Amino acid sequence: MTASRADSPCVDLCIYDYDRDFCTGCGRTLDEVSYWNYFTPQEKQQILKESKKNLDSLSDSCYNHSTQGGSDGPD
């Protein structure tokens, strides 16, 4: 079973930071973006946790916290 695009954390702001090795829009690595539809729901939840950590490591000006459920906006 593959997942729908609706469950993807993509925010259509794809800027890949090769030094940090993740997208500054969604926080995922290239492999996580590429194979998202093939991950199990449990794997996706773990990826989302790591993605949140990645995005939290960026300064506030790098991305919109409200798109990721941060403290500056609604979940």
PDB file of N, CA and C in Angstrom:
ATOM      1  N   MET A   1       0.836  -1.183   0.000  1.00  0.00           N
ATOM      2  CA  MET A   1       0.000   0.000   0.000  1.00  0.00           C
ATOM      3  C   MET A   1       0.878   1.243   0.000  1.00  0.00           C
ATOM      4  N   THR A   2       0.535   2.204  -0.810  1.00  0.00           N
ATOM      5  CA  THR A   2       1.278   3.455  -0.820  1.00  0.00           C
ATOM      6  C   THR A   2       0.444   4.542  -0.175  1.00  0.00           C
ATOM      7  N   ALA A   3       1.116   5.542   0.346  1.00  0.00           N
ATOM      8  CA  ALA A   3       0.437   6.646   1.020  1.00  0.00           C
ATOM      9  C   ALA A   3       0.043   7.709   0.009  1.00  0.00           C
ATOM     10  N   SER A   4      -0.946   8.481   0.376  1.00  0.00           N
ATOM     11  CA  SER A   4      -1.364   9.577  -0.496  1.00  0.00           C
ATOM     12  C   SER A   4      -0.504  10.802  -0.247  1.00  0.00           C
ATOM     13  N   ARG A   5      -0.534  11.716  -1.194  1.00  0.00           N
ATOM     14  CA  ARG A   5       0.193  12.972  -1.051  1.00  0.00           C
ATOM     15  C   ARG A   5      -0.331  13.762   0.137  1.00  0.00           C
ATOM     16  N   ALA A   6      -1.581  13.527   0.512  1.00  0.00           N
ATOM     17  CA  ALA A   6      -2.200  14.282   1.601  1.00  0.00           C
ATOM     18  C   ALA A   6      -1.473  14.086   2.929  1.00  0.00           C
ATOM     19  N   ASP A   7      -0.836  12.935   3.125  1.00  0.00           N
ATOM     20  CA  ASP A   7      -0.162  12.715   4.407  1.00  0.00           C
ATOM     21  C   ASP A   7       1.301  13.144   4.393  1.00  0.00           C
ATOM     22  N   SER A   8       1.749  13.693   3.294  1.00  0.00           N
ATOM     23  CA  SER A   8       3.133  14.150   3.184  1.00  0.00           C
ATOM     24  C   SER A   8       3.338  15.442   3.970  1.00  0.00           C
ATOM     25  N   PRO A   9       4.493  15.583   4.636  1.00  0.00           N
ATOM     26  CA  PRO A   9       4.783  16.815   5.363  1.00  0.00           C
ATOM     27  C   PRO A   9       5.312  17.932   4.463  1.00  0.00           C
ATOM     28  N   CYS A  10       5.331  17.708   3.159  1.00  0.00           N
ATOM     29  CA  CYS A  10       5.822  18.716   2.217  1.00  0.00           C
ATOM     30  C   CYS A  10       5.015  19.998   2.347  1.00  0.00           C
ATOM     31  N   VAL A  11       5.726  21.128   2.374  1.00  0.00           N
ATOM     32  CA  VAL A  11       5.073  22.440   2.471  1.00  0.00           C
ATOM     33  C   VAL A  11       5.279  23.248   1.192  1.00  0.00           C
ATOM     34  N   ASP A  12       5.702  22.570   0.124  1.00  0.00           N
ATOM     35  CA  ASP A  12       5.949  23.203  -1.180  1.00  0.00           C
ATOM     36  C   ASP A  12       6.940  24.353  -1.084  1.00  0.00           C
ATOM     37  N   LEU A  13       7.910  24.212  -0.220  1.00  0.00           N
ATOM     38  CA  LEU A  13       9.002  25.175  -0.072  1.00  0.00           C
ATOM     39  C   LEU A  13      10.282  24.352  -0.002  1.00  0.00           C
ATOM     40  N   CYS A  14      10.671  23.808  -1.138  1.00  0.00           N
ATOM     41  CA  CYS A  14      11.772  22.856  -1.201  1.00  0.00           C
ATOM     42  C   CYS A  14      13.105  23.579  -1.393  1.00  0.00           C
ATOM     43  N   ILE A  15      13.847  23.687  -0.322  1.00  0.00           N
ATOM     44  CA  ILE A  15      15.205  24.231  -0.365  1.00  0.00           C
ATOM     45  C   ILE A  15      16.070  23.245   0.392  1.00  0.00           C
ATOM     46  N   TYR A  16      16.881  22.503  -0.350  1.00  0.00           N
ATOM     47  CA  TYR A  16      17.685  21.464   0.279  1.00  0.00           C
ATOM     48  C   TYR A  16      19.000  22.036   0.770  1.00  0.00           C
ATOM     49  N   ASP A  17      19.271  21.824   2.048  1.00  0.00           N
ATOM     50  CA  ASP A  17      20.527  22.259   2.661  1.00  0.00           C
ATOM     51  C   ASP A  17      21.477  21.060   2.646  1.00  0.00           C
ATOM     52  N   TYR A  18      22.399  21.063   1.691  1.00  0.00           N
ATOM     53  CA  TYR A  18      23.306  19.928   1.545  1.00  0.00           C
ATOM     54  C   TYR A  18      24.310  19.838   2.687  1.00  0.00           C
ATOM     55  N   ASP A  19      24.601  20.933   3.347  1.00  0.00           N
ATOM     56  CA  ASP A  19      25.500  20.887   4.497  1.00  0.00           C
ATOM     57  C   ASP A  19      24.841  20.175   5.678  1.00  0.00           C
ATOM     58  N   ARG A  20      23.565  20.432   5.878  1.00  0.00           N
ATOM     59  CA  ARG A  20      22.823  19.804   6.984  1.00  0.00           C
ATOM     60  C   ARG A  20      22.175  18.488   6.556  1.00  0.00           C
ATOM     61  N   ASP A  21      22.070  18.276   5.245  1.00  0.00           N
ATOM     62  CA  ASP A  21      21.491  17.068   4.664  1.00  0.00           C
ATOM     63  C   ASP A  21      19.998  16.918   4.954  1.00  0.00           C
ATOM     64  N   PHE A  22      19.245  18.020   4.832  1.00  0.00           N
ATOM     65  CA  PHE A  22      17.793  17.935   4.875  1.00  0.00           C
ATOM     66  C   PHE A  22      17.161  19.149   4.207  1.00  0.00           C
ATOM     67  N   CYS A  23      15.907  18.985   3.828  1.00  0.00           N
ATOM     68  CA  CYS A  23      15.136  20.059   3.212  1.00  0.00           C
ATOM     69  C   CYS A  23      14.736  21.058   4.298  1.00  0.00           C
ATOM     70  N   THR A  24      14.969  22.326   4.067  1.00  0.00           N
ATOM     71  CA  THR A  24      14.618  23.329   5.071  1.00  0.00           C
ATOM     72  C   THR A  24      13.127  23.660   5.047  1.00  0.00           C
ATOM     73  N   GLY A  25      12.385  23.086   4.122  1.00  0.00           N
ATOM     74  CA  GLY A  25      10.940  23.248   4.102  1.00  0.00           C
ATOM     75  C   GLY A  25      10.244  22.227   4.981  1.00  0.00           C
ATOM     76  N   CYS A  26      10.610  20.946   4.817  1.00  0.00           N
ATOM     77  CA  CYS A  26       9.925  19.888   5.562  1.00  0.00           C
ATOM     78  C   CYS A  26      10.820  19.175   6.575  1.00  0.00           C
ATOM     79  N   GLY A  27      12.132  19.337   6.471  1.00  0.00           N
ATOM     80  CA  GLY A  27      13.040  18.718   7.435  1.00  0.00           C
ATOM     81  C   GLY A  27      13.465  17.307   7.094  1.00  0.00           C
ATOM     82  N   ARG A  28      13.035  16.791   5.944  1.00  0.00           N
ATOM     83  CA  ARG A  28      13.390  15.415   5.585  1.00  0.00           C
ATOM     84  C   ARG A  28      14.640  15.354   4.723  1.00  0.00           C
ATOM     85  N   THR A  29      15.291  14.194   4.735  1.00  0.00           N
ATOM     86  CA  THR A  29      16.451  13.953   3.873  1.00  0.00           C
ATOM     87  C   THR A  29      15.953  13.626   2.468  1.00  0.00           C
ATOM     88  N   LEU A  30      16.876  13.593   1.514  1.00  0.00           N
ATOM     89  CA  LEU A  30      16.503  13.258   0.133  1.00  0.00           C
ATOM     90  C   LEU A  30      15.869  11.870   0.042  1.00  0.00           C
ATOM     91  N   ASP A  31      16.431  10.893   0.745  1.00  0.00           N
ATOM     92  CA  ASP A  31      15.859   9.547   0.728  1.00  0.00           C
ATOM     93  C   ASP A  31      14.459   9.536   1.330  1.00  0.00           C
ATOM     94  N   GLU A  32      14.261  10.281   2.406  1.00  0.00           N
ATOM     95  CA  GLU A  32      12.945  10.321   3.042  1.00  0.00           C
ATOM     96  C   GLU A  32      11.909  10.976   2.136  1.00  0.00           C
ATOM     97  N   VAL A  33      12.315  12.004   1.400  1.00  0.00           N
ATOM     98  CA  VAL A  33      11.411  12.654   0.451  1.00  0.00           C
ATOM     99  C   VAL A  33      11.122  11.693  -0.706  1.00  0.00           C
ATOM    100  N   SER A  34      12.171  11.092  -1.240  1.00  0.00           N
ATOM    101  CA  SER A  34      12.042  10.234  -2.419  1.00  0.00           C
ATOM    102  C   SER A  34      11.194   8.995  -2.171  1.00  0.00           C
ATOM    103  N   TYR A  35      11.322   8.396  -0.991  1.00  0.00           N
ATOM    104  CA  TYR A  35      10.657   7.125  -0.704  1.00  0.00           C
ATOM    105  C   TYR A  35       9.488   7.253   0.260  1.00  0.00           C
ATOM    106  N   TRP A  36       9.007   8.464   0.483  1.00  0.00           N
ATOM    107  CA  TRP A  36       7.948   8.709   1.468  1.00  0.00           C
ATOM    108  C   TRP A  36       6.758   7.765   1.288  1.00  0.00           C
ATOM    109  N   ASN A  37       6.326   7.563   0.074  1.00  0.00           N
ATOM    110  CA  ASN A  37       5.144   6.728  -0.175  1.00  0.00           C
ATOM    111  C   ASN A  37       5.348   5.257   0.152  1.00  0.00           C
ATOM    112  N   TYR A  38       6.574   4.842   0.371  1.00  0.00           N
ATOM    113  CA  TYR A  38       6.863   3.439   0.638  1.00  0.00           C
ATOM    114  C   TYR A  38       7.093   3.142   2.120  1.00  0.00           C
ATOM    115  N   PHE A  39       7.158   4.166   2.945  1.00  0.00           N
ATOM    116  CA  PHE A  39       7.360   3.963   4.382  1.00  0.00           C
ATOM    117  C   PHE A  39       6.058   3.542   5.056  1.00  0.00           C
ATOM    118  N   THR A  40       6.188   2.743   6.102  1.00  0.00           N
ATOM    119  CA  THR A  40       5.021   2.352   6.892  1.00  0.00           C
ATOM    120  C   THR A  40       4.576   3.544   7.738  1.00  0.00           C
ATOM    121  N   PRO A  41       3.356   3.517   8.253  1.00  0.00           N
ATOM    122  CA  PRO A  41       2.915   4.607   9.130  1.00  0.00           C
ATOM    123  C   PRO A  41       3.841   4.813  10.331  1.00  0.00           C
ATOM    124  N   GLN A  42       4.365   3.740  10.883  1.00  0.00           N
ATOM    125  CA  GLN A  42       5.290   3.850  12.018  1.00  0.00           C
ATOM    126  C   GLN A  42       6.592   4.515  11.602  1.00  0.00           C
ATOM    127  N   GLU A  43       7.107   4.143  10.442  1.00  0.00           N
ATOM    128  CA  GLU A  43       8.330   4.760   9.935  1.00  0.00           C
ATOM    129  C   GLU A  43       8.105   6.246   9.671  1.00  0.00           C
ATOM    130  N   LYS A  44       6.946   6.584   9.123  1.00  0.00           N
ATOM    131  CA  LYS A  44       6.627   7.986   8.851  1.00  0.00           C
ATOM    132  C   LYS A  44       6.586   8.798  10.140  1.00  0.00           C
ATOM    133  N   GLN A  45       6.010   8.233  11.196  1.00  0.00           N
ATOM    134  CA  GLN A  45       5.952   8.941  12.471  1.00  0.00           C
ATOM    135  C   GLN A  45       7.362   9.219  12.998  1.00  0.00           C
ATOM    136  N   GLN A  46       8.258   8.257  12.862  1.00  0.00           N
ATOM    137  CA  GLN A  46       9.640   8.455  13.298  1.00  0.00           C
ATOM    138  C   GLN A  46      10.329   9.517  12.445  1.00  0.00           C
ATOM    139  N   ILE A  47      10.101   9.480  11.150  1.00  0.00           N
ATOM    140  CA  ILE A  47      10.681  10.480  10.250  1.00  0.00           C
ATOM    141  C   ILE A  47      10.169  11.869  10.616  1.00  0.00           C
ATOM    142  N   LEU A  48       8.880  11.980  10.907  1.00  0.00           N
ATOM    143  CA  LEU A  48       8.304  13.272  11.281  1.00  0.00           C
ATOM    144  C   LEU A  48       8.931  13.815  12.562  1.00  0.00           C
ATOM    145  N   LYS A  49       9.215  12.930  13.518  1.00  0.00           N
ATOM    146  CA  LYS A  49       9.885  13.365  14.753  1.00  0.00           C
ATOM    147  C   LYS A  49      11.277  13.909  14.457  1.00  0.00           C
ATOM    148  N   GLU A  50      12.011  13.195  13.621  1.00  0.00           N
ATOM    149  CA  GLU A  50      13.356  13.637  13.252  1.00  0.00           C
ATOM    150  C   GLU A  50      13.300  14.916  12.424  1.00  0.00           C
ATOM    151  N   SER A  51      12.318  15.011  11.550  1.00  0.00           N
ATOM    152  CA  SER A  51      12.156  16.210  10.732  1.00  0.00           C
ATOM    153  C   SER A  51      11.915  17.435  11.599  1.00  0.00           C
ATOM    154  N   LYS A  52      11.088  17.267  12.609  1.00  0.00           N
ATOM    155  CA  LYS A  52      10.806  18.366  13.540  1.00  0.00           C
ATOM    156  C   LYS A  52      12.087  18.809  14.234  1.00  0.00           C
ATOM    157  N   LYS A  53      12.898  17.859  14.667  1.00  0.00           N
ATOM    158  CA  LYS A  53      14.183  18.194  15.290  1.00  0.00           C
ATOM    159  C   LYS A  53      15.074  18.953  14.307  1.00  0.00           C
ATOM    160  N   ASN A  54      15.102  18.491  13.061  1.00  0.00           N
ATOM    161  CA  ASN A  54      15.903  19.175  12.048  1.00  0.00           C
ATOM    162  C   ASN A  54      15.447  20.614  11.877  1.00  0.00           C
ATOM    163  N   LEU A  55      14.140  20.815  11.750  1.00  0.00           N
ATOM    164  CA  LEU A  55      13.616  22.166  11.550  1.00  0.00           C
ATOM    165  C   LEU A  55      13.828  23.041  12.783  1.00  0.00           C
ATOM    166  N   ASP A  56      13.718  22.446  13.955  1.00  0.00           N
ATOM    167  CA  ASP A  56      13.948  23.205  15.190  1.00  0.00           C
ATOM    168  C   ASP A  56      15.391  23.671  15.308  1.00  0.00           C
ATOM    169  N   SER A  57      16.302  23.002  14.612  1.00  0.00           N
ATOM    170  CA  SER A  57      17.710  23.391  14.664  1.00  0.00           C
ATOM    171  C   SER A  57      18.002  24.621  13.804  1.00  0.00           C
ATOM    172  N   LEU A  58      17.049  25.001  12.952  1.00  0.00           N
ATOM    173  CA  LEU A  58      17.210  26.174  12.099  1.00  0.00           C
ATOM    174  C   LEU A  58      16.769  27.426  12.844  1.00  0.00           C
ATOM    175  N   SER A  59      17.259  28.564  12.401  1.00  0.00           N
ATOM    176  CA  SER A  59      16.785  29.821  12.982  1.00  0.00           C
ATOM    177  C   SER A  59      15.350  30.061  12.538  1.00  0.00           C
ATOM    178  N   ASP A  60      14.613  30.872  13.290  1.00  0.00           N
ATOM    179  CA  ASP A  60      13.213  31.146  12.977  1.00  0.00           C
ATOM    180  C   ASP A  60      13.014  31.721  11.593  1.00  0.00           C
ATOM    181  N   SER A  61      13.994  32.423  11.066  1.00  0.00           N
ATOM    182  CA  SER A  61      13.834  33.056   9.764  1.00  0.00           C
ATOM    183  C   SER A  61      13.954  32.070   8.607  1.00  0.00           C
ATOM    184  N   CYS A  62      14.383  30.846   8.870  1.00  0.00           N
ATOM    185  CA  CYS A  62      14.609  29.893   7.792  1.00  0.00           C
ATOM    186  C   CYS A  62      13.328  29.235   7.286  1.00  0.00           C
ATOM    187  N   TYR A  63      12.328  29.124   8.121  1.00  0.00           N
ATOM    188  CA  TYR A  63      11.086  28.511   7.681  1.00  0.00           C
ATOM    189  C   TYR A  63       9.941  29.001   8.541  1.00  0.00           C
ATOM    190  N   ASN A  64       8.745  28.738   8.083  1.00  0.00           N
ATOM    191  CA  ASN A  64       7.538  29.187   8.754  1.00  0.00           C
ATOM    192  C   ASN A  64       7.103  28.141   9.779  1.00  0.00           C
ATOM    193  N   HIS A  65       7.246  28.432  11.057  1.00  0.00           N
ATOM    194  CA  HIS A  65       6.877  27.478  12.103  1.00  0.00           C
ATOM    195  C   HIS A  65       5.416  27.079  12.018  1.00  0.00           C
ATOM    196  N   SER A  66       4.557  27.966  11.569  1.00  0.00           N
ATOM    197  CA  SER A  66       3.131  27.632  11.534  1.00  0.00           C
ATOM    198  C   SER A  66       2.838  26.482  10.577  1.00  0.00           C
ATOM    199  N   THR A  67       3.684  26.285   9.563  1.00  0.00           N
ATOM    200  CA  THR A  67       3.457  25.176   8.641  1.00  0.00           C
ATOM    201  C   THR A  67       3.849  23.852   9.269  1.00  0.00           C
ATOM    202  N   GLN A  68       4.639  23.888  10.315  1.00  0.00           N
ATOM    203  CA  GLN A  68       5.099  22.670  10.963  1.00  0.00           C
ATOM    204  C   GLN A  68       4.484  22.497  12.346  1.00  0.00           C
ATOM    205  N   GLY A  69       3.478  23.282  12.688  1.00  0.00           N
ATOM    206  CA  GLY A  69       2.833  23.124  13.985  1.00  0.00           C
ATOM    207  C   GLY A  69       3.662  23.685  15.112  1.00  0.00           C
ATOM    208  N   GLY A  70       4.515  24.641  14.832  1.00  0.00           N
ATOM    209  CA  GLY A  70       5.350  25.250  15.865  1.00  0.00           C
ATOM    210  C   GLY A  70       4.572  26.212  16.731  1.00  0.00           C
ATOM    211  N   SER A  71       5.254  26.864  17.630  1.00  0.00           N
ATOM    212  CA  SER A  71       4.590  27.732  18.599  1.00  0.00           C
ATOM    213  C   SER A  71       4.090  29.035  18.008  1.00  0.00           C
ATOM    214  N   ASP A  72       4.481  29.348  16.772  1.00  0.00           N
ATOM    215  CA  ASP A  72       4.064  30.608  16.172  1.00  0.00           C
ATOM    216  C   ASP A  72       2.748  30.508  15.409  1.00  0.00           C
ATOM    217  N   GLY A  73       2.132  29.324  15.384  1.00  0.00           N
ATOM    218  CA  GLY A  73       0.905  29.180  14.640  1.00  0.00           C
ATOM    219  C   GLY A  73       0.133  27.956  15.053  1.00  0.00           C
ATOM    220  N   PRO A  74      -1.001  27.735  14.431  1.00  0.00           N
ATOM    221  CA  PRO A  74      -1.834  26.584  14.779  1.00  0.00           C
ATOM    222  C   PRO A  74      -1.236  25.279  14.299  1.00  0.00           C
ATOM    223  N   ASP A  75      -1.625  24.183  14.914  1.00  0.00           N
ATOM    224  CA  ASP A  75      -1.167  22.845  14.500  1.00  0.00           C
ATOM    225  C   ASP A  75      -1.820  22.395  13.269  1.00  0.00           C
TER     226      ASP A  75
END
